[in-house]
C-alpha atoms as a PDB file:
ATOM      1  CA  MET A   1      21.272 -12.517   1.999  1.00  0.00           C
ATOM      2  CA  ILE A   2      18.988 -15.242   0.681  1.00  0.00           C
ATOM      3  CA  ASN A   3      15.501 -14.756  -0.688  1.00  0.00           C
ATOM      4  CA  LYS A   4      12.516 -14.937   1.595  1.00  0.00           C
ATOM      5  CA  ARG A   5      11.189 -18.487   1.739  1.00  0.00           C
ATOM      6  CA  ASN A   6       8.013 -20.213   2.796  1.00  0.00           C
ATOM      7  CA  VAL A   7       8.855 -23.183   5.004  1.00  0.00           C
ATOM      8  CA  VAL A   8       5.948 -25.598   5.337  1.00  0.00           C
ATOM      9  CA  LEU A   9       6.352 -27.711   8.474  1.00  0.00           C
ATOM     10  CA  GLY A  10       4.875 -31.073   9.386  1.00  0.00           C
ATOM     11  CA  LEU A  11       6.215 -33.020  12.393  1.00  0.00           C
ATOM     12  CA  THR A  12       6.779 -36.714  11.716  1.00  0.00           C
ATOM     13  CA  LEU A  13       8.832 -38.185  14.557  1.00  0.00           C
ATOM     14  CA  LEU A  14       9.689 -37.072  18.074  1.00  0.00           C
ATOM     15  CA  PHE A  15      12.483 -38.114  20.441  1.00  0.00           C
ATOM     16  CA  SER A  16      12.666 -41.638  21.858  1.00  0.00           C
ATOM     17  CA  VAL A  17      10.414 -42.541  24.768  1.00  0.00           C
ATOM     18  CA  GLY A  18      11.114 -44.483  27.928  1.00  0.00           C
ATOM     19  CA  VAL A  19      13.239 -41.823  29.563  1.00  0.00           C
ATOM     20  CA  GLN A  20      11.853 -38.830  31.428  1.00  0.00           C
ATOM     21  CA  THR A  21      12.178 -35.756  29.252  1.00  0.00           C
ATOM     22  CA  ILE A  22      11.817 -32.025  29.440  1.00  0.00           C
ATOM     23  CA  PRO A  23       8.087 -31.253  29.848  1.00  0.00           C
ATOM     24  CA  THR A  24       6.423 -30.863  26.484  1.00  0.00           C
ATOM     25  CA  TYR A  25       3.157 -29.606  25.050  1.00  0.00           C
ATOM     26  CA  ALA A  26       1.287 -30.146  21.776  1.00  0.00           C
ATOM     27  CA  LEU A  27       3.550 -32.826  20.401  1.00  0.00           C
ATOM     28  CA  GLU A  28       1.693 -32.946  17.101  1.00  0.00           C
ATOM     29  CA  LYS A  29       0.976 -29.725  15.209  1.00  0.00           C
ATOM     30  CA  GLU A  30      -1.036 -28.852  12.145  1.00  0.00           C
ATOM     31  CA  GLU A  31       0.941 -28.094   8.981  1.00  0.00           C
ATOM     32  CA  GLN A  32       1.994 -24.451   9.103  1.00  0.00           C
ATOM     33  CA  VAL A  33       3.713 -21.886   6.906  1.00  0.00           C
ATOM     34  CA  CYS A  34       6.587 -19.779   8.249  1.00  0.00           C
ATOM     35  CA  HIS A  35       8.270 -16.959   6.385  1.00  0.00           C
ATOM     36  CA  ILE A  36      12.064 -16.936   6.537  1.00  0.00           C
ATOM     37  CA  ASN A  37      14.411 -14.208   5.314  1.00  0.00           C
ATOM     38  CA  ASP A  38      17.688 -15.712   6.517  1.00  0.00           C
ATOM     39  CA  GLU A  39      19.219 -17.980   9.150  1.00  0.00           C
ATOM     40  CA  SER A  40      18.390 -15.554  11.968  1.00  0.00           C
ATOM     41  CA  SER A  41      14.686 -15.459  11.191  1.00  0.00           C
ATOM     42  CA  LEU A  42      14.520 -19.253  11.573  1.00  0.00           C
ATOM     43  CA  VAL A  43      14.195 -18.673  15.339  1.00  0.00           C
ATOM     44  CA  ASP A  44      10.388 -18.374  15.058  1.00  0.00           C
ATOM     45  CA  VAL A  45      10.281 -21.760  13.358  1.00  0.00           C
ATOM     46  CA  LEU A  46      12.340 -23.328  16.133  1.00  0.00           C
ATOM     47  CA  SER A  47       9.905 -21.923  18.684  1.00  0.00           C
ATOM     48  CA  SER A  48       6.914 -23.250  16.772  1.00  0.00           C
ATOM     49  CA  LEU A  49       8.332 -26.759  16.475  1.00  0.00           C
ATOM     50  CA  TYR A  50       8.417 -27.330  20.188  1.00  0.00           C
ATOM     51  CA  SER A  51       6.990 -25.502  23.173  1.00  0.00           C
ATOM     52  CA  VAL A  52      10.242 -24.515  24.820  1.00  0.00           C
ATOM     53  CA  SER A  53      11.187 -21.027  25.920  1.00  0.00           C
ATOM     54  CA  LEU A  54      13.635 -19.638  23.356  1.00  0.00           C
ATOM     55  CA  GLU A  55      14.039 -16.208  24.883  1.00  0.00           C
ATOM     56  CA  ASN A  56      17.023 -14.344  23.408  1.00  0.00           C
ATOM     57  CA  ILE A  57      17.933 -17.297  21.185  1.00  0.00           C
ATOM     58  CA  GLU A  58      20.331 -16.211  18.426  1.00  0.00           C
ATOM     59  CA  TYR A  59      21.825 -17.714  15.316  1.00  0.00           C
ATOM     60  CA  LYS A  60      25.568 -18.205  15.925  1.00  0.00           C
ATOM     61  CA  THR A  61      27.137 -20.012  13.021  1.00  0.00           C
ATOM     62  CA  THR A  62      26.886 -22.779  10.439  1.00  0.00           C
ATOM     63  CA  ARG A  63      29.335 -25.597  10.984  1.00  0.00           C
ATOM     64  CA  ASN A  64      29.507 -28.645   8.683  1.00  0.00           C
ATOM     65  CA  LYS A  65      26.077 -27.727   7.246  1.00  0.00           C
ATOM     66  CA  THR A  66      24.627 -27.554  10.770  1.00  0.00           C
ATOM     67  CA  LEU A  67      22.942 -24.319  11.843  1.00  0.00           C
ATOM     68  CA  ILE A  68      23.706 -23.536  15.478  1.00  0.00           C
ATOM     69  CA  TYR A  69      21.555 -21.360  17.751  1.00  0.00           C
ATOM     70  CA  GLU A  70      22.153 -20.466  21.394  1.00  0.00           C
ATOM     71  CA  ASN A  71      20.883 -18.537  24.384  1.00  0.00           C
ATOM     72  CA  ASP A  72      22.061 -18.601  28.005  1.00  0.00           C
ATOM     73  CA  GLU A  73      20.477 -21.978  28.726  1.00  0.00           C
ATOM     74  CA  MET A  74      20.129 -23.827  25.462  1.00  0.00           C
ATOM     75  CA  LYS A  75      22.017 -24.816  22.329  1.00  0.00           C
ATOM     76  CA  ILE A  76      20.055 -25.876  19.248  1.00  0.00           C
ATOM     77  CA  ARG A  77      21.439 -27.686  16.209  1.00  0.00           C
ATOM     78  CA  VAL A  78      19.511 -27.769  12.922  1.00  0.00           C
ATOM     79  CA  GLN A  79      20.710 -30.341  10.385  1.00  0.00           C
ATOM     80  CA  GLY A  80      19.614 -31.028   6.826  1.00  0.00           C
ATOM     81  CA  LEU A  81      18.112 -27.599   6.070  1.00  0.00           C
ATOM     82  CA  ASP A  82      19.263 -25.685   2.988  1.00  0.00           C
ATOM     83  CA  LEU A  83      17.374 -22.405   2.734  1.00  0.00           C
ATOM     84  CA  LYS A  84      18.721 -21.797  -0.758  1.00  0.00           C
ATOM     85  CA  GLU A  85      17.352 -25.061  -2.146  1.00  0.00           C
ATOM     86  CA  GLU A  86      13.655 -25.349  -2.952  1.00  0.00           C
ATOM     87  CA  GLY A  87      11.669 -28.517  -2.409  1.00  0.00           C
ATOM     88  CA  ASP A  88      11.064 -31.173   0.248  1.00  0.00           C
ATOM     89  CA  GLN A  89      13.750 -31.601   2.891  1.00  0.00           C
ATOM     90  CA  LYS A  90      14.059 -33.798   5.953  1.00  0.00           C
ATOM     91  CA  ILE A  91      15.614 -32.004   8.881  1.00  0.00           C
ATOM     92  CA  SER A  92      16.420 -32.672  12.497  1.00  0.00           C
ATOM     93  CA  VAL A  93      16.359 -30.113  15.289  1.00  0.00           C
ATOM     94  CA  THR A  94      18.275 -31.018  18.430  1.00  0.00           C
ATOM     95  CA  TYR A  95      17.545 -29.056  21.612  1.00  0.00           C
ATOM     96  CA  GLY A  96      20.160 -29.330  24.341  1.00  0.00           C
ATOM     97  CA  LEU A  97      20.496 -27.708  27.772  1.00  0.00           C
ATOM     98  CA  LYS A  98      23.882 -26.197  28.567  1.00  0.00           C
ATOM     99  CA  ASP A  99      23.464 -26.742  32.345  1.00  0.00           C
ATOM    100  CA  PRO A 100      20.840 -29.487  32.723  1.00  0.00           C
ATOM    101  CA  SER A 101      20.766 -29.472  36.523  1.00  0.00           C
ATOM    102  CA  LYS A 102      20.164 -25.730  36.805  1.00  0.00           C
ATOM    103  CA  SER A 103      17.728 -25.504  33.909  1.00  0.00           C
ATOM    104  CA  LEU A 104      15.598 -28.515  34.849  1.00  0.00           C
ATOM    105  CA  LYS A 105      15.271 -27.415  38.452  1.00  0.00           C
ATOM    106  CA  LYS A 106      13.868 -24.121  37.141  1.00  0.00           C
ATOM    107  CA  LEU A 107      11.207 -26.266  35.425  1.00  0.00           C
ATOM    108  CA  GLY A 108      10.323 -27.912  38.770  1.00  0.00           C
ATOM    109  CA  ILE A 109      12.232 -31.156  38.200  1.00  0.00           C
ATOM    110  CA  GLU A 110      14.167 -31.900  41.407  1.00  0.00           C
ATOM    111  CA  ASP A 111      15.461 -35.374  40.569  1.00  0.00           C
ATOM    112  CA  VAL A 112      17.558 -34.792  37.455  1.00  0.00           C
ATOM    113  CA  SER A 113      19.517 -38.031  37.580  1.00  0.00           C
ATOM    114  CA  ASN A 114      17.311 -39.797  35.077  1.00  0.00           C
ATOM    115  CA  VAL A 115      16.321 -36.868  32.918  1.00  0.00           C
ATOM    116  CA  LYS A 116      17.242 -36.580  29.263  1.00  0.00           C
ATOM    117  CA  SER A 117      18.555 -33.042  28.762  1.00  0.00           C
ATOM    118  CA  GLU A 118      18.811 -33.266  24.996  1.00  0.00           C
ATOM    119  CA  PHE A 119      16.146 -34.289  22.518  1.00  0.00           C
ATOM    120  CA  THR A 120      15.741 -34.250  18.756  1.00  0.00           C
ATOM    121  CA  ILE A 121      12.725 -33.504  16.611  1.00  0.00           C
ATOM    122  CA  TYR A 122      12.579 -34.841  13.062  1.00  0.00           C
ATOM    123  CA  THR A 123      10.326 -33.107  10.599  1.00  0.00           C
ATOM    124  CA  ASP A 124       9.674 -32.736   6.903  1.00  0.00           C
ATOM    125  CA  VAL A 125       9.892 -29.252   5.497  1.00  0.00           C
ATOM    126  CA  GLN A 126       9.106 -27.834   2.099  1.00  0.00           C
ATOM    127  CA  VAL A 127      11.141 -24.788   1.140  1.00  0.00           C
ATOM    128  CA  GLN A 128       9.407 -22.426  -1.279  1.00  0.00           C
ATOM    129  CA  ASP A 129      10.822 -19.282  -2.877  1.00  0.00           C
ATOM    130  CA  ILE A 130       8.274 -16.457  -2.480  1.00  0.00           C
ATOM    131  CA  GLN A 131      10.608 -13.483  -2.984  1.00  0.00           C
ATOM    132  CA  ALA A 132      10.379 -11.666  -6.299  1.00  0.00           C
ATOM    133  CA  PRO A 133      13.626 -10.656  -8.043  1.00  0.00           C
ATOM    134  CA  LYS A 134      14.991  -7.192  -7.276  1.00  0.00           C
ATOM    135  CA  ILE A 135      15.479  -4.972 -10.333  1.00  0.00           C
ATOM    136  CA  LEU A 136      18.313  -2.460  -9.947  1.00  0.00           C
ATOM    137  CA  CYS A 137      18.682   0.399 -12.429  1.00  0.00           C
ATOM    138  CA  ASP A 138      18.084   4.136 -12.659  1.00  0.00           C
ATOM    139  CA  ASP A 139      14.536   5.475 -12.870  1.00  0.00           C
ATOM    140  CA  SER A 140      15.358   7.512 -15.964  1.00  0.00           C
ATOM    141  CA  TYR A 141      18.036   7.894 -18.642  1.00  0.00           C
ATOM    142  CA  GLU A 142      18.906  10.706 -21.031  1.00  0.00           C
ATOM    143  CA  ILE A 143      20.496   9.784 -24.346  1.00  0.00           C
ATOM    144  CA  MET A 144      21.204  11.484 -27.658  1.00  0.00           C
ATOM    145  CA  GLN A 145      19.253  10.662 -30.792  1.00  0.00           C
ATOM    146  CA  GLY A 146      20.829   7.688 -32.578  1.00  0.00           C
ATOM    147  CA  GLU A 147      23.032   6.797 -29.606  1.00  0.00           C
ATOM    148  CA  ASP A 148      23.979   3.121 -29.233  1.00  0.00           C
ATOM    149  CA  PHE A 149      22.017   2.467 -26.045  1.00  0.00           C
ATOM    150  CA  ASP A 150      20.939  -0.928 -24.686  1.00  0.00           C
ATOM    151  CA  LEU A 151      18.763  -0.591 -21.580  1.00  0.00           C
ATOM    152  CA  LYS A 152      19.289  -4.259 -20.746  1.00  0.00           C
ATOM    153  CA  GLU A 153      22.976  -3.560 -20.142  1.00  0.00           C
ATOM    154  CA  GLN A 154      22.000  -1.000 -17.482  1.00  0.00           C
ATOM    155  CA  ILE A 155      19.933  -3.495 -15.484  1.00  0.00           C
ATOM    156  CA  GLU A 156      21.139  -5.635 -12.587  1.00  0.00           C
ATOM    157  CA  VAL A 157      18.788  -8.244 -11.132  1.00  0.00           C
ATOM    158  CA  LYS A 158      19.335  -9.830  -7.722  1.00  0.00           C
ATOM    159  CA  ASP A 159      17.874 -13.253  -7.050  1.00  0.00           C
ATOM    160  CA  ASP A 160      19.023 -16.716  -5.974  1.00  0.00           C
ATOM    161  CA  SER A 161      17.864 -18.352  -9.195  1.00  0.00           C
ATOM    162  CA  ASN A 162      18.064 -17.675 -12.905  1.00  0.00           C
ATOM    163  CA  VAL A 163      15.897 -14.752 -13.963  1.00  0.00           C
ATOM    164  CA  ASP A 164      14.242 -13.982 -17.303  1.00  0.00           C
ATOM    165  CA  VAL A 165      14.295 -10.226 -17.971  1.00  0.00           C
ATOM    166  CA  LYS A 166      11.894  -8.731 -20.512  1.00  0.00           C
ATOM    167  CA  ILE A 167      11.777  -5.122 -21.737  1.00  0.00           C
ATOM    168  CA  SER A 168       8.867  -3.536 -23.603  1.00  0.00           C
ATOM    169  CA  ASP A 169       9.705  -2.635 -27.207  1.00  0.00           C
ATOM    170  CA  SER A 170       8.478   0.982 -26.974  1.00  0.00           C
ATOM    171  CA  LEU A 171      11.979   2.535 -27.048  1.00  0.00           C
ATOM    172  CA  ASP A 172      13.103   4.106 -30.349  1.00  0.00           C
ATOM    173  CA  THR A 173      16.540   5.689 -29.989  1.00  0.00           C
ATOM    174  CA  GLU A 174      16.285   7.224 -33.484  1.00  0.00           C
ATOM    175  CA  THR A 175      13.253   9.360 -32.659  1.00  0.00           C
ATOM    176  CA  VAL A 176      13.315  12.291 -30.232  1.00  0.00           C
ATOM    177  CA  GLY A 177      10.894  11.914 -27.333  1.00  0.00           C
ATOM    178  CA  THR A 178      10.301  10.447 -23.873  1.00  0.00           C
ATOM    179  CA  TYR A 179       9.637   6.721 -23.674  1.00  0.00           C
ATOM    180  CA  ASP A 180       7.946   4.860 -20.819  1.00  0.00           C
ATOM    181  CA  VAL A 181       9.677   1.469 -20.753  1.00  0.00           C
ATOM    182  CA  LYS A 182       8.413  -1.493 -18.705  1.00  0.00           C
ATOM    183  CA  ILE A 183      10.917  -3.993 -17.261  1.00  0.00           C
ATOM    184  CA  THR A 184       9.697  -7.408 -16.080  1.00  0.00           C
ATOM    185  CA  ALA A 185      11.847  -9.954 -14.218  1.00  0.00           C
ATOM    186  CA  ILE A 186      10.579 -13.504 -13.600  1.00  0.00           C
ATOM    187  CA  ASP A 187      12.559 -16.048 -11.569  1.00  0.00           C
ATOM    188  CA  GLU A 188      12.459 -19.844 -11.806  1.00  0.00           C
ATOM    189  CA  SER A 189       9.705 -20.012  -9.162  1.00  0.00           C
ATOM    190  CA  GLY A 190       7.462 -17.663 -11.119  1.00  0.00           C
ATOM    191  CA  ASN A 191       7.949 -14.694  -8.790  1.00  0.00           C
ATOM    192  CA  THR A 192       7.658 -11.488 -10.820  1.00  0.00           C
ATOM    193  CA  SER A 193       8.946  -7.925 -10.415  1.00  0.00           C
ATOM    194  CA  ASN A 194       8.140  -4.904 -12.555  1.00  0.00           C
ATOM    195  CA  LYS A 195       9.870  -1.548 -12.905  1.00  0.00           C
ATOM    196  CA  GLU A 196       8.983   1.515 -14.948  1.00  0.00           C
ATOM    197  CA  VAL A 197      11.857   3.454 -16.536  1.00  0.00           C
ATOM    198  CA  PHE A 198      11.725   6.660 -18.554  1.00  0.00           C
ATOM    199  CA  VAL A 199      14.207   7.156 -21.398  1.00  0.00           C
ATOM    200  CA  HIS A 200      14.543  10.686 -22.767  1.00  0.00           C
ATOM    201  CA  VAL A 201      15.893  10.749 -26.327  1.00  0.00           C
ATOM    202  CA  LYS A 202      17.369  14.184 -27.042  1.00  0.00           C
ATOM    203  CA  LYS A 203      17.946  15.726 -30.439  1.00  0.00           C
ATOM    204  CA  LYS A 204      21.298  14.785 -31.906  1.00  0.00           C
ATOM    205  CA  GLN A 205      23.903  17.496 -31.490  1.00  0.00           C
ATOM    206  CA  ASP A 206      25.072  19.300 -34.637  1.00  0.00           C
ATOM    207  CA  PRO A 207      28.894  19.176 -34.750  1.00  0.00           C
ATOM    208  CA  ASN A 208      28.916  22.378 -36.834  1.00  0.00           C
ATOM    209  CA  PHE A 209      26.472  24.210 -34.574  1.00  0.00           C
ATOM    210  CA  TYR A 210      28.918  26.754 -33.099  1.00  0.00           C
ATOM    211  CA  GLN A 211      30.856  27.321 -36.300  1.00  0.00           C
ATOM    212  CA  ASN A 212      27.559  28.026 -38.069  1.00  0.00           C
ATOM    213  CA  ILE A 213      26.866  30.813 -35.539  1.00  0.00           C
ATOM    214  CA  ALA A 214      30.308  32.307 -36.170  1.00  0.00           C
ATOM    215  CA  ASP A 215      29.868  32.043 -39.949  1.00  0.00           C
ATOM    216  CA  ALA A 216      26.441  33.696 -39.731  1.00  0.00           C
ATOM    217  CA  ALA A 217      27.972  36.580 -37.794  1.00  0.00           C
ATOM    218  CA  LEU A 218      30.780  37.026 -40.339  1.00  0.00           C
ATOM    219  CA  ALA A 219      28.203  37.045 -43.144  1.00  0.00           C
ATOM    220  CA  GLN A 220      26.782  40.255 -41.648  1.00  0.00           C
ATOM    221  CA  LEU A 221      29.979  42.324 -41.878  1.00  0.00           C
ATOM    222  CA  GLY A 222      29.182  45.862 -43.094  1.00  0.00           C
ATOM    223  CA  VAL A 223      25.487  45.582 -42.221  1.00  0.00           C
ATOM    224  CA  ASN A 224      24.067  48.625 -40.438  1.00  0.00           C
ATOM    225  CA  GLN A 225      22.537  47.312 -37.203  1.00  0.00           C
ATOM    226  CA  ASP A 226      22.993  47.375 -33.459  1.00  0.00           C
ATOM    227  CA  CYS A 227      24.846  44.700 -31.460  1.00  0.00           C
ATOM    228  CA  THR A 228      21.748  42.775 -30.343  1.00  0.00           C
ATOM    229  CA  MET A 229      20.437  42.365 -33.906  1.00  0.00           C
ATOM    230  CA  LEU A 230      23.827  41.001 -34.986  1.00  0.00           C
ATOM    231  CA  VAL A 231      23.650  38.284 -32.335  1.00  0.00           C
ATOM    232  CA  THR A 232      19.963  37.589 -32.919  1.00  0.00           C
ATOM    233  CA  ASN A 233      20.522  37.116 -36.662  1.00  0.00           C
ATOM    234  CA  ALA A 234      23.536  34.850 -36.052  1.00  0.00           C
ATOM    235  CA  LEU A 235      21.528  32.653 -33.659  1.00  0.00           C
ATOM    236  CA  ARG A 236      18.593  32.443 -36.055  1.00  0.00           C
ATOM    237  CA  ALA A 237      20.888  30.593 -38.471  1.00  0.00           C
ATOM    238  CA  VAL A 238      20.948  27.627 -36.050  1.00  0.00           C
ATOM    239  CA  GLY A 239      17.257  27.679 -35.161  1.00  0.00           C
ATOM    240  CA  ILE A 240      17.357  29.896 -32.074  1.00  0.00           C
ATOM    241  CA  ASN A 241      14.856  32.758 -32.178  1.00  0.00           C
ATOM    242  CA  TYR A 242      15.716  35.185 -29.414  1.00  0.00           C
ATOM    243  CA  HIS A 243      16.100  38.954 -29.077  1.00  0.00           C
ATOM    244  CA  GLY A 244      16.683  41.005 -25.957  1.00  0.00           C
ATOM    245  CA  ALA A 245      18.927  43.391 -24.070  1.00  0.00           C
ATOM    246  CA  PRO A 246      22.686  42.605 -24.194  1.00  0.00           C
ATOM    247  CA  GLU A 247      22.924  41.005 -20.755  1.00  0.00           C
ATOM    248  CA  SER A 248      19.800  38.885 -21.339  1.00  0.00           C
ATOM    249  CA  TYR A 249      21.810  36.683 -23.720  1.00  0.00           C
ATOM    250  CA  LEU A 250      23.440  35.187 -20.613  1.00  0.00           C
ATOM    251  CA  SER A 251      20.312  33.025 -20.302  1.00  0.00           C
ATOM    252  CA  LEU A 252      21.024  31.151 -23.545  1.00  0.00           C
ATOM    253  CA  GLY A 253      23.785  28.929 -22.220  1.00  0.00           C
ATOM    254  CA  GLU A 254      26.559  28.404 -19.707  1.00  0.00           C
ATOM    255  CA  LEU A 255      29.455  30.738 -18.977  1.00  0.00           C
ATOM    256  CA  THR A 256      32.828  29.361 -20.103  1.00  0.00           C
ATOM    257  CA  SER A 257      36.430  30.408 -19.621  1.00  0.00           C
ATOM    258  CA  ASN A 258      37.470  28.582 -22.817  1.00  0.00           C
ATOM    259  CA  PRO A 259      35.428  30.193 -25.620  1.00  0.00           C
ATOM    260  CA  VAL A 260      35.096  28.655 -29.082  1.00  0.00           C
ATOM    261  CA  PRO A 261      33.981  30.371 -32.296  1.00  0.00           C
ATOM    262  CA  GLY A 262      30.217  30.830 -32.064  1.00  0.00           C
ATOM    263  CA  ASP A 263      30.115  31.642 -28.340  1.00  0.00           C
ATOM    264  CA  ILE A 264      28.475  34.908 -27.296  1.00  0.00           C
ATOM    265  CA  CYS A 265      30.566  37.682 -25.725  1.00  0.00           C
ATOM    266  CA  VAL A 266      28.388  39.458 -23.179  1.00  0.00           C
ATOM    267  CA  TYR A 267      29.470  42.870 -21.904  1.00  0.00           C
ATOM    268  CA  GLN A 268      27.871  45.492 -19.734  1.00  0.00           C
ATOM    269  CA  GLY A 269      25.598  47.173 -22.307  1.00  0.00           C
ATOM    270  CA  HIS A 270      27.044  45.337 -25.313  1.00  0.00           C
ATOM    271  CA  VAL A 271      27.049  41.863 -26.945  1.00  0.00           C
ATOM    272  CA  ALA A 272      29.080  40.237 -29.767  1.00  0.00           C
ATOM    273  CA  ILE A 273      29.926  36.851 -31.368  1.00  0.00           C
ATOM    274  CA  TYR A 274      33.324  35.317 -30.702  1.00  0.00           C
ATOM    275  CA  ILE A 275      35.150  34.051 -33.838  1.00  0.00           C
ATOM    276  CA  GLY A 276      38.460  32.895 -32.358  1.00  0.00           C
ATOM    277  CA  ASN A 277      41.981  34.269 -31.877  1.00  0.00           C
ATOM    278  CA  GLY A 278      40.763  36.904 -29.420  1.00  0.00           C
ATOM    279  CA  GLN A 279      38.443  38.512 -31.966  1.00  0.00           C
ATOM    280  CA  ALA A 280      34.692  38.966 -32.223  1.00  0.00           C
ATOM    281  CA  VAL A 281      32.077  40.294 -34.632  1.00  0.00           C
ATOM    282  CA  HIS A 282      30.530  43.460 -33.173  1.00  0.00           C
ATOM    283  CA  GLY A 283      27.379  45.210 -34.308  1.00  0.00           C
ATOM    284  CA  GLY A 284      26.591  48.882 -33.636  1.00  0.00           C
ATOM    285  CA  TRP A 285      30.222  49.913 -34.220  1.00  0.00           C
ATOM    286  CA  ASN A 286      31.043  53.442 -35.379  1.00  0.00           C
ATOM    287  CA  GLY A 287      27.586  54.355 -36.608  1.00  0.00           C
ATOM    288  CA  TYR A 288      25.960  50.931 -36.252  1.00  0.00           C
ATOM    289  CA  THR A 289      28.339  49.153 -38.630  1.00  0.00           C
ATOM    290  CA  THR A 290      29.056  45.417 -38.171  1.00  0.00           C
ATOM    291  CA  VAL A 291      32.835  44.794 -37.905  1.00  0.00           C
ATOM    292  CA  VAL A 292      35.508  42.373 -36.692  1.00  0.00           C
ATOM    293  CA  TYR A 293      37.342  43.719 -33.674  1.00  0.00           C
ATOM    294  CA  SER A 294      39.134  42.494 -30.562  1.00  0.00           C
ATOM    295  CA  VAL A 295      37.018  41.019 -27.779  1.00  0.00           C
ATOM    296  CA  GLN A 296      38.541  43.729 -25.614  1.00  0.00           C
ATOM    297  CA  CYS A 297      36.516  46.865 -26.070  1.00  0.00           C
ATOM    298  CA  ALA A 298      35.358  49.878 -24.047  1.00  0.00           C
ATOM    299  CA  ASN A 299      32.557  47.877 -22.379  1.00  0.00           C
ATOM    300  CA  PRO A 300      33.567  45.626 -19.431  1.00  0.00           C
ATOM    301  CA  LEU A 301      33.329  41.933 -20.384  1.00  0.00           C
ATOM    302  CA  ILE A 302      30.960  39.856 -18.216  1.00  0.00           C
ATOM    303  CA  GLY A 303      31.794  36.522 -19.835  1.00  0.00           C
ATOM    304  CA  TYR A 304      31.552  34.102 -22.743  1.00  0.00           C
ATOM    305  CA  VAL A 305      28.302  32.157 -23.148  1.00  0.00           C
ATOM    306  CA  HIS A 306      28.437  28.660 -24.670  1.00  0.00           C
ATOM    307  CA  VAL A 307      25.003  28.453 -26.282  1.00  0.00           C
ATOM    308  CA  ARG A 308      22.770  25.453 -25.540  1.00  0.00           C
ATOM    309  CA  GLN A 309      21.747  23.544 -28.628  1.00  0.00           C
ATOM    310  CA  PRO A 310      17.962  23.234 -29.102  1.00  0.00           C
ATOM    311  CA  SER A 311      16.571  19.877 -27.992  1.00  0.00           C
END
């Protein structure tokens, strides 16, 4: 698919005279501008060049740089036109009847022996690119703080010519926040496209986050407290301030079937911190003592929660 073009038409020379021709009207026309998307949309231009019925005319093929159009009665050949090349071009448009006798009689011409059934129009055209480049990329991106991220590598631009792509310098991948980035694409003809993209820079993940939760739980061994306070105190060590009923801790992350030290064990009416090897730190044990014990206890296990790191 080529870019939309302006084609400025100005007729310069018609077919030879001296032989009776297909009836014509308005042999000279004012300069006009026609918008063309592709070979098929050139049909309107062909109609405007010469007052001939082009009902159901269709683009068929391009053969030896000649564009060929046909309907039931007529075949049209366009030579010298390159819709991908800007600038002045000289073209010829040849209109020919497939069955001259039948077609001319429909026009009221009974004596067809001396009628020219094919004629050519020569005209100058100026092809102008008026289609702005198309910018293809996502509307938003989510990256981690300090991540090696180049927005320009995410952008694809579609156009027939070379395109200059510019990106606003508002993006700082080292600082957490949401950035409104402007993308501008300008082609060789000066056509411009703009796109707004949002980049969300998230806080860098702490590789020791989950182990720190487990360590904070182990540091409470022997402390007299219930199970929820054990978990709350362990989470506070990594910047999470939350306290609630045992099953409410399900809201702090995603359930996982492959727990790691630092995940929360949520039971019906009980909660603990997993520390690995099938063991957990439990609060509220035998008179509210904090102890290490198997994850299997009297309370039915609902699941392991992999805690979300704060953004």
